[in-house]
Amino acid sequence: MNATNVDTETRSLKLAKEYLRLGGHRRCKIDDNITTVRQWEEDPPEAERFWQEQVQSLSASDRKQVEDFLPSINSP
């Protein structure tokens, strides 16, 4: 198997990247290993729809994995 053909991105990472590509504004905050998501700006309709249909509907543990890939409010 050729290593260049191996898809190294997890489903969680792909979902987070697609949400951000659609213009999503949610950001992750991790404090004492507890993840919360903050949103100060309204998402574009496509990003909001994607979040509701593809991310919000996941189990809590799967959703946390996606949230962990969002940009952090703890870093610039």
C-alpha atoms as a PDB file:
ATOM      1  CA  MET A   1       0.000   0.000   0.000  1.00  0.00           C
ATOM      2  CA  ASN A   2       1.304   3.427  -0.919  1.00  0.00           C
ATOM      3  CA  ALA A   3       1.444   5.703   2.140  1.00  0.00           C
ATOM      4  CA  THR A   4       0.457   8.724   0.059  1.00  0.00           C
ATOM      5  CA  ASN A   5      -2.940   7.148  -0.618  1.00  0.00           C
ATOM      6  CA  VAL A   6      -3.765   6.667   3.071  1.00  0.00           C
ATOM      7  CA  ASP A   7      -6.435   9.032   4.393  1.00  0.00           C
ATOM      8  CA  THR A   8      -5.108  10.159   7.757  1.00  0.00           C
ATOM      9  CA  GLU A   9      -7.995  12.484   8.628  1.00  0.00           C
ATOM     10  CA  THR A  10     -10.576  11.184  11.048  1.00  0.00           C
ATOM     11  CA  ARG A  11     -14.280  11.696  10.464  1.00  0.00           C
ATOM     12  CA  SER A  12     -14.279  14.211  13.328  1.00  0.00           C
ATOM     13  CA  LEU A  13     -11.536  16.277  11.733  1.00  0.00           C
ATOM     14  CA  LYS A  14     -13.290  16.188   8.357  1.00  0.00           C
ATOM     15  CA  LEU A  15     -16.542  17.403   9.927  1.00  0.00           C
ATOM     16  CA  ALA A  16     -14.789  20.245  11.764  1.00  0.00           C
ATOM     17  CA  LYS A  17     -12.914  21.322   8.630  1.00  0.00           C
ATOM     18  CA  GLU A  18     -16.088  21.317   6.528  1.00  0.00           C
ATOM     19  CA  TYR A  19     -17.964  23.348   9.136  1.00  0.00           C
ATOM     20  CA  LEU A  20     -15.155  25.929   9.189  1.00  0.00           C
ATOM     21  CA  ARG A  21     -14.920  25.926   5.382  1.00  0.00           C
ATOM     22  CA  LEU A  22     -18.616  26.833   5.294  1.00  0.00           C
ATOM     23  CA  GLY A  23     -17.807  29.869   7.443  1.00  0.00           C
ATOM     24  CA  GLY A  24     -18.739  28.516  10.886  1.00  0.00           C
ATOM     25  CA  HIS A  25     -17.852  30.721  13.859  1.00  0.00           C
ATOM     26  CA  ARG A  26     -18.058  28.329  16.818  1.00  0.00           C
ATOM     27  CA  ARG A  27     -14.903  28.112  18.909  1.00  0.00           C
ATOM     28  CA  CYS A  28     -13.753  25.531  21.423  1.00  0.00           C
ATOM     29  CA  LYS A  29     -12.847  26.252  25.027  1.00  0.00           C
ATOM     30  CA  ILE A  30     -11.064  23.533  26.963  1.00  0.00           C
ATOM     31  CA  ASP A  31     -10.709  24.034  30.690  1.00  0.00           C
ATOM     32  CA  ASP A  32      -9.664  21.209  33.001  1.00  0.00           C
ATOM     33  CA  ASN A  33     -10.297  18.772  30.142  1.00  0.00           C
ATOM     34  CA  ILE A  34     -13.914  19.953  29.832  1.00  0.00           C
ATOM     35  CA  THR A  35     -14.813  21.116  26.338  1.00  0.00           C
ATOM     36  CA  THR A  36     -17.408  23.790  25.729  1.00  0.00           C
ATOM     37  CA  VAL A  37     -18.293  25.550  22.502  1.00  0.00           C
ATOM     38  CA  ARG A  38     -18.740  29.299  22.304  1.00  0.00           C
ATOM     39  CA  GLN A  39     -20.366  31.256  19.526  1.00  0.00           C
ATOM     40  CA  TRP A  40     -20.336  35.058  19.448  1.00  0.00           C
ATOM     41  CA  GLU A  41     -21.321  35.540  15.821  1.00  0.00           C
ATOM     42  CA  GLU A  42     -24.184  33.931  13.943  1.00  0.00           C
ATOM     43  CA  ASP A  43     -23.104  31.280  11.465  1.00  0.00           C
ATOM     44  CA  PRO A  44     -23.859  31.601   7.767  1.00  0.00           C
ATOM     45  CA  PRO A  45     -26.966  29.517   6.950  1.00  0.00           C
ATOM     46  CA  GLU A  46     -24.934  26.742   5.266  1.00  0.00           C
ATOM     47  CA  ALA A  47     -22.620  26.362   8.264  1.00  0.00           C
ATOM     48  CA  GLU A  48     -25.511  26.395  10.739  1.00  0.00           C
ATOM     49  CA  ARG A  49     -27.405  23.775   8.741  1.00  0.00           C
ATOM     50  CA  PHE A  50     -24.263  21.622   8.516  1.00  0.00           C
ATOM     51  CA  TRP A  51     -23.690  21.898  12.287  1.00  0.00           C
ATOM     52  CA  GLN A  52     -27.288  20.963  13.101  1.00  0.00           C
ATOM     53  CA  GLU A  53     -27.477  18.069  10.625  1.00  0.00           C
ATOM     54  CA  GLN A  54     -23.965  16.626  10.820  1.00  0.00           C
ATOM     55  CA  VAL A  55     -22.529  17.536  14.234  1.00  0.00           C
ATOM     56  CA  GLN A  56     -25.339  18.283  16.703  1.00  0.00           C
ATOM     57  CA  SER A  57     -26.968  14.950  15.892  1.00  0.00           C
ATOM     58  CA  LEU A  58     -23.851  12.971  16.945  1.00  0.00           C
ATOM     59  CA  SER A  59     -23.506  11.258  20.289  1.00  0.00           C
ATOM     60  CA  ALA A  60     -21.982  13.448  23.003  1.00  0.00           C
ATOM     61  CA  SER A  61     -18.596  11.723  22.763  1.00  0.00           C
ATOM     62  CA  ASP A  62     -18.479  11.946  18.952  1.00  0.00           C
ATOM     63  CA  ARG A  63     -19.603  15.587  19.042  1.00  0.00           C
ATOM     64  CA  LYS A  64     -16.816  16.372  21.567  1.00  0.00           C
ATOM     65  CA  GLN A  65     -14.269  14.931  19.154  1.00  0.00           C
ATOM     66  CA  VAL A  66     -15.470  17.345  16.448  1.00  0.00           C
ATOM     67  CA  GLU A  67     -15.530  20.261  18.909  1.00  0.00           C
ATOM     68  CA  ASP A  68     -11.932  19.528  19.910  1.00  0.00           C
ATOM     69  CA  PHE A  69     -10.876  20.319  16.321  1.00  0.00           C
ATOM     70  CA  LEU A  70     -12.491  23.760  16.317  1.00  0.00           C
ATOM     71  CA  PRO A  71     -10.173  26.739  16.790  1.00  0.00           C
ATOM     72  CA  SER A  72      -9.548  27.400  20.472  1.00  0.00           C
ATOM     73  CA  ILE A  73     -10.492  30.620  22.213  1.00  0.00           C
ATOM     74  CA  ASN A  74      -7.432  30.001  24.405  1.00  0.00           C
ATOM     75  CA  SER A  75      -4.978  30.792  21.610  1.00  0.00           C
ATOM     76  CA  PRO A  76      -4.653  33.786  19.288  1.00  0.00           C
END
